[in-house]
Protein backbone atom coordinates (compact mmCIF):
# COMPACT_ATOMS: atom_id res chain seq x y z
CA MET A 1 0.31 -0.12 0.22
CA PRO A 2 1.14 3.53 -0.83
CA LEU A 3 1.65 6.16 1.97
CA ALA A 4 0.89 10.07 1.44
CA VAL A 5 1.12 13.22 3.58
CA ALA A 6 -0.49 16.07 3.28
CA ALA A 7 1.16 19.04 5.27
CA LEU A 8 -0.59 22.25 6.02
CA SER A 9 0.41 25.30 8.47
CA HIS A 10 -2.55 26.66 10.72
CA ALA A 11 -3.14 29.95 11.95
CA PRO A 12 -5.65 31.58 14.39
CA SER A 13 -5.66 34.13 11.73
CA PHE A 14 -6.63 32.18 9.10
CA GLY A 15 -10.25 33.82 7.91
CA ASN A 16 -9.77 36.71 10.84
CA VAL A 17 -7.15 39.06 9.59
CA ASP A 18 -6.75 39.63 6.04
CA PRO A 19 -3.11 38.99 4.59
CA GLY A 20 -3.20 41.51 2.14
CA GLY A 21 -3.09 40.94 -1.81
CA GLU A 22 -3.78 37.94 -3.20
CA THR A 23 -2.09 35.89 -0.38
CA PHE A 24 -5.41 34.59 1.32
CA THR A 25 -6.66 33.89 -2.52
CA GLU A 26 -3.48 31.51 -3.18
CA ILE A 27 -3.89 30.05 0.09
CA ASN A 28 -7.16 28.83 -0.20
CA THR A 29 -6.38 27.68 -3.92
CA ALA A 30 -3.46 25.56 -2.48
CA ILE A 31 -5.56 24.12 0.03
CA ASP A 32 -8.13 23.14 -2.51
CA GLU A 33 -5.59 21.41 -4.43
CA VAL A 34 -4.74 19.47 -1.10
CA LYS A 35 -8.31 18.63 -1.14
CA GLU A 36 -8.22 17.37 -4.43
CA PHE A 37 -4.93 15.46 -3.90
CA VAL A 38 -6.56 13.45 -0.85
CA SER A 39 -9.98 12.98 -2.45
CA GLY A 40 -7.83 11.25 -5.44
CA TYR A 41 -5.64 9.19 -2.63
CA ASP A 42 -8.83 8.14 -1.03
CA PRO A 43 -6.97 7.27 2.40
CA ASP A 44 -8.87 4.59 4.49
CA LEU A 45 -7.35 6.05 7.22
CA VAL A 46 -5.89 9.76 8.51
CA VAL A 47 -3.00 9.97 10.84
CA VAL A 48 -2.98 13.59 12.08
CA PHE A 49 0.53 14.79 13.84
CA GLY A 50 0.17 17.95 15.40
CA PRO A 51 0.73 19.94 18.62
CA ASP A 52 -1.65 21.79 21.36
CA HIS A 53 -1.73 25.22 22.65
CA PHE A 54 -2.23 24.35 26.46
CA ASN A 55 -5.76 24.04 26.06
CA GLY A 56 -6.14 20.08 26.08
CA GLN A 57 -2.27 18.87 26.90
CA LEU A 58 -1.32 20.80 30.11
CA TYR A 59 1.42 20.30 32.82
CA SER A 60 -1.03 18.23 34.74
CA LEU A 61 0.70 15.18 32.53
CA ILE A 62 3.13 16.79 29.62
CA THR A 63 4.55 14.12 27.50
CA PRO A 64 6.81 14.27 24.19
CA TRP A 65 3.55 12.62 21.95
CA ALA A 66 0.59 10.74 22.49
CA ILE A 67 -1.77 8.56 20.37
CA GLY A 68 -5.59 9.47 21.21
CA ALA A 69 -8.05 6.66 20.62
CA VAL A 70 -11.09 8.90 21.94
CA ALA A 71 -10.94 12.31 21.06
CA GLU A 72 -12.96 15.48 21.00
CA GLY A 73 -12.30 19.13 19.78
CA VAL A 74 -12.26 22.17 21.93
CA GLY A 75 -13.87 24.09 19.17
CA ASP A 76 -11.32 26.80 19.10
CA TYR A 77 -11.40 29.79 16.43
CA GLY A 78 -14.28 28.26 15.01
CA THR A 79 -12.81 24.65 14.30
CA THR A 80 -14.93 21.62 14.62
CA ALA A 81 -16.09 21.25 18.40
CA GLY A 82 -17.15 18.09 20.20
CA PRO A 83 -16.57 14.17 19.66
CA LEU A 84 -14.25 13.24 16.46
CA PRO A 85 -14.33 10.46 14.08
CA VAL A 86 -11.29 8.37 15.83
CA ASP A 87 -10.86 5.02 14.70
CA ALA A 88 -10.12 3.66 18.41
CA ASP A 89 -8.70 0.22 16.99
CA ALA A 90 -6.69 1.52 14.59
CA ALA A 91 -5.38 4.10 17.28
CA ARG A 92 -4.63 1.22 19.50
CA ASN A 93 -2.93 -0.77 17.17
CA LEU A 94 -0.71 1.99 16.20
CA HIS A 95 0.03 2.56 19.76
CA ALA A 96 1.18 -1.16 20.43
CA ALA A 97 2.94 -1.48 17.03
CA VAL A 98 5.05 1.75 17.87
CA LEU A 99 5.63 0.97 21.53
CA ALA A 100 7.21 -2.32 19.89
CA GLU A 101 9.50 -0.05 17.80
CA GLY A 102 10.89 1.10 20.83
CA ILE A 103 9.57 4.48 21.09
CA ASP A 104 7.81 5.68 24.51
CA ILE A 105 4.39 7.08 23.19
CA GLY A 106 1.35 7.48 25.74
CA ARG A 107 -2.17 6.82 24.78
CA SER A 108 -5.51 8.62 25.81
CA GLU A 109 -8.93 7.16 26.33
CA ARG A 110 -9.82 10.71 26.16
CA MET A 111 -7.77 13.33 24.30
CA THR A 112 -8.52 16.92 24.33
CA VAL A 113 -7.18 18.67 20.90
CA ASP A 114 -7.47 22.45 19.44
CA HIS A 115 -7.22 23.69 16.52
CA GLY A 116 -3.65 22.59 15.97
CA ILE A 117 -5.08 18.74 15.13
CA VAL A 118 -8.46 20.02 14.06
CA GLN A 119 -7.85 23.11 11.84
CA PRO A 120 -6.22 21.34 8.82
CA LEU A 121 -8.61 18.61 9.17
CA ASP A 122 -11.34 21.05 8.46
CA PHE A 123 -9.73 22.39 5.63
CA VAL A 124 -9.38 19.19 3.83
CA PHE A 125 -12.48 17.30 4.98
CA GLY A 126 -14.82 20.20 6.09
CA LYS A 127 -16.54 21.30 9.33
CA ASN A 128 -18.07 18.06 11.47
CA PHE A 129 -15.81 15.78 9.03
CA THR A 130 -16.30 12.23 9.43
CA GLN A 131 -13.29 10.60 7.67
CA PRO A 132 -11.68 8.17 10.39
CA ILE A 133 -8.70 10.17 12.01
CA VAL A 134 -6.03 8.92 14.85
CA PRO A 135 -5.01 11.95 16.37
CA VAL A 136 -1.23 12.22 17.65
CA PHE A 137 -0.23 15.01 19.82
CA VAL A 138 3.18 16.00 19.21
CA ASN A 139 4.51 18.76 22.09
CA ALA A 140 5.98 22.04 20.44
CA ILE A 141 5.76 24.36 23.59
CA GLY A 142 5.53 22.37 26.81
CA LEU A 143 9.49 22.78 27.32
CA PRO A 144 12.07 20.72 27.91
CA LEU A 145 11.52 19.20 24.49
CA SER A 146 13.12 15.81 23.43
CA PRO A 147 15.94 15.81 20.81
CA MET A 148 15.07 16.22 17.02
CA ARG A 149 16.16 12.86 16.45
CA ARG A 150 13.68 11.26 18.50
CA VAL A 151 11.05 13.13 16.37
CA ARG A 152 12.21 11.53 13.28
CA LEU A 153 12.55 7.94 14.78
CA MET A 154 8.84 8.19 15.99
CA GLY A 155 7.79 9.40 12.68
CA GLU A 156 9.56 6.43 10.84
CA ALA A 157 8.09 3.77 13.61
CA PHE A 158 4.36 5.40 12.56
CA GLY A 159 5.27 4.68 8.85
CA ARG A 160 6.24 0.86 9.23
CA ALA A 161 3.11 0.66 11.46
CA ALA A 162 1.03 2.17 9.11
CA LEU A 163 2.32 -0.22 6.36
CA ALA A 164 1.58 -3.55 8.65
CA LEU A 165 -2.25 -2.19 8.82
CA ASP A 166 -2.94 -2.86 4.88
CA LYS A 167 -4.60 0.26 4.65
CA LYS A 168 -4.33 3.65 2.52
CA VAL A 169 -2.56 5.96 4.99
CA LEU A 170 -2.64 9.41 4.76
CA PHE A 171 -0.43 11.37 7.45
CA LEU A 172 -1.27 15.00 7.96
CA ALA A 173 0.83 17.38 9.59
CA SER A 174 -0.16 20.30 11.20
CA GLY A 175 2.07 23.31 12.47
CA GLY A 176 3.63 26.93 11.71
CA ILE A 177 6.87 27.95 10.31
CA SER A 178 8.69 30.65 11.37
CA HIS A 179 6.24 32.59 13.88
CA ASN A 180 7.03 33.88 17.48
CA PRO A 181 3.92 34.47 19.23
CA PRO A 182 3.96 34.80 23.37
CA ILE A 183 3.91 31.69 24.84
CA PRO A 184 3.74 31.06 28.64
CA ARG A 185 6.62 29.10 30.14
CA TRP A 186 6.38 27.13 33.08
CA ASP A 187 10.09 27.97 34.30
CA GLY A 188 9.79 31.53 36.21
CA ALA A 189 6.01 31.70 35.91
CA PRO A 190 4.10 33.28 38.46
CA GLY A 191 1.74 30.60 40.52
CA THR A 192 -1.41 31.91 39.03
CA LEU A 193 0.32 30.88 35.58
CA GLN A 194 1.77 27.86 36.55
CA GLU A 195 -1.91 26.44 37.74
CA ARG A 196 -3.54 27.76 34.45
CA LEU A 197 -0.57 25.76 32.75
CA ILE A 198 -2.19 22.68 35.08
CA ALA A 199 -5.83 23.16 34.92
CA TYR A 200 -6.91 25.39 31.99
CA ALA A 201 -10.64 24.78 31.77
CA PRO A 202 -12.36 28.21 30.48
CA SER A 203 -15.81 28.72 30.05
CA PRO A 204 -17.08 29.02 26.19
CA GLU A 205 -17.07 32.99 27.01
CA GLU A 206 -13.78 33.02 28.37
CA ARG A 207 -12.16 31.06 25.49
CA HIS A 208 -14.15 33.18 23.02
CA GLU A 209 -12.70 36.47 24.52
CA ARG A 210 -9.07 35.07 24.86
CA GLU A 211 -9.25 34.08 21.14
CA GLN A 212 -10.58 37.27 20.23
CA MET A 213 -7.64 39.01 22.33
CA ILE A 214 -5.13 36.99 20.13
CA VAL A 215 -7.26 37.88 17.08
CA ARG A 216 -6.77 41.40 17.67
CA GLY A 217 -3.41 41.24 18.66
CA ILE A 218 -2.78 39.84 15.13
CA GLN A 219 -4.79 42.65 13.45
CA ALA A 220 -2.52 45.10 15.42
CA ILE A 221 0.42 43.56 13.58
CA ALA A 222 -0.96 43.70 9.99
CA ASP A 223 -2.26 47.50 10.68
CA GLY A 224 1.65 48.27 11.65
CA LYS A 225 0.26 49.38 15.04
CA ALA A 226 2.17 46.68 16.92
CA PRO A 227 5.74 45.34 16.60
CA SER A 228 6.20 41.46 15.25
CA ASP A 229 9.94 40.25 15.00
CA PRO A 230 10.50 39.60 11.28
CA LEU A 231 9.88 36.06 9.23
CA ASN A 232 13.02 34.17 8.72
CA GLU A 233 12.13 32.68 5.04
CA GLU A 234 15.70 31.62 4.97
CA TRP A 235 15.33 29.28 7.61
CA ASP A 236 11.73 28.17 6.24
CA LYS A 237 13.27 27.19 3.01
CA LEU A 238 15.81 25.40 4.96
CA VAL A 239 13.46 23.09 6.67
CA LEU A 240 11.22 22.84 3.69
CA ASP A 241 13.90 21.57 1.42
CA THR A 242 14.57 18.98 4.05
CA PHE A 243 11.47 17.47 3.34
CA ARG A 244 11.72 17.93 -0.43
CA SER A 245 15.01 16.00 -0.16
CA GLY A 246 13.71 12.66 1.29
CA ASP A 247 16.64 12.59 3.58
CA LEU A 248 15.15 13.29 7.49
CA THR A 249 18.02 12.38 9.32
CA ALA A 250 19.29 16.13 8.36
CA ALA A 251 17.02 17.08 11.05
CA ASP A 252 18.82 15.04 13.70
CA GLY A 253 21.34 17.65 14.04
CA TRP A 254 18.72 20.33 14.86
CA GLU A 255 19.30 21.49 18.01
CA ASN A 256 16.33 22.71 20.62
CA GLY A 257 17.59 25.90 21.03
CA TRP A 258 18.62 26.64 17.81
CA PHE A 259 15.30 26.04 16.41
CA VAL A 260 13.70 28.51 18.54
CA ALA A 261 16.35 31.15 17.90
CA GLU A 262 15.90 30.76 14.11
CA GLY A 263 12.08 29.99 13.57
CA GLY A 264 10.80 31.99 16.88
CA SER A 265 8.87 30.51 19.95
CA ALA A 266 6.45 28.10 17.97
CA ALA A 267 9.07 26.96 15.24
CA HIS A 268 8.72 23.60 16.86
CA GLU A 269 5.40 22.87 15.57
CA MET A 270 7.42 21.70 12.78
CA ARG A 271 7.96 18.58 14.66
CA SER A 272 4.54 17.09 13.62
CA TRP A 273 5.85 17.66 9.81
CA ILE A 274 9.19 16.22 10.57
CA ALA A 275 7.35 12.86 11.99
CA ALA A 276 5.18 12.75 9.03
CA TYR A 277 7.54 12.84 6.38
CA ALA A 278 9.89 10.69 8.53
CA ALA A 279 6.71 8.49 8.29
CA LEU A 280 6.24 8.79 4.74
CA SER A 281 9.83 8.06 4.33
CA ALA A 282 9.38 4.17 5.61
CA ALA A 283 8.13 3.26 2.50
CA GLY A 284 10.74 4.69 0.32
CA PRO A 285 11.26 7.50 -2.17
CA TYR A 286 8.29 9.75 -2.59
CA ARG A 287 6.94 12.56 -4.93
CA PHE A 288 5.60 16.08 -4.07
CA ALA A 289 2.13 16.86 -5.93
CA VAL A 290 1.20 20.43 -3.95
CA ASP A 291 4.45 22.48 -2.76
CA ARG A 292 3.41 26.22 -1.89
CA TYR A 293 4.87 28.69 0.48
CA TRP A 294 4.06 32.07 1.94
CA ALA A 295 5.81 34.49 4.03
CA VAL A 296 2.72 36.21 5.51
CA GLU A 297 3.87 39.24 7.29
CA LYS A 298 0.74 40.51 8.63
CA TRP A 299 0.13 37.27 10.21
CA GLY A 300 3.58 37.10 11.34
CA ALA A 301 4.21 33.41 10.29
CA GLY A 302 5.42 31.63 7.32
CA PHE A 303 2.70 29.71 5.65
CA ALA A 304 3.25 26.31 3.84
CA VAL A 305 1.29 23.96 2.29
CA GLN A 306 2.72 20.53 0.88
CA THR A 307 1.13 17.06 -0.38
CA ALA A 308 3.73 14.07 -1.27
CA VAL A 309 2.92 10.34 -1.97
CA THR A 310 5.57 7.46 -2.30
CA ALA A 311 6.84 6.59 -5.73
């Protein structure tokens, strides 16, 4: 069976802040191309690698990665909320197979996910999608983080496990490239913030207000009324070129501090892409069908859309 990847950036600003010019039209056109690719590939199962933004995965138990056998979306930024169509049997089988490969990975029978996993699913399959999925949380902001080599090995283990399923598996990767939003850190945080990082459970009204505050902050950047660190297009190209090369071992040398220094506070979301392409590489060489990138200054983020399939 072939394997395939669809990799898409996610952004709270999507549909909320105009990036200017033809950028939003071009991004939506590229997403339509991804939808066409996925429709043609016709996956039996979608394994989606994505981060969380302290909405579901908290310091009550922070882990490098975990599989959800049952999951629900929090519905942030208008994404699909409530129970998600998880293939529980496939999730549990993958969990056992990846563990057997020597990768220590957790499993949740009640996973909560946010736009980091759900937004690209909504992009590709539409709101309230029914496509069978297996969500895989990949920690990107809860420090400390594992070495990048472990991310590659985890992805390769998923690829081998997927090949054993005898299903057409699509690996969906979610995450922004260079972007530098304010992210709460545990070390040095006041007790009230640490408590929120352990047990964040806002009311719908509180969540909505927090989202609107973030969107207002991005709009201020777009309007030139607030500063934003410049994007690092050269670093974005380096990362994307690594995926294009098919040799994911190049990521082994990416030191975690360097990743943040070059790509920004949330650049480690690209761990989800590393995992997905490493999984794809387990089936051999692959070719690209969609490969687009934008440096979206008004969003303060690099945004990329790619698809690839084994040759």
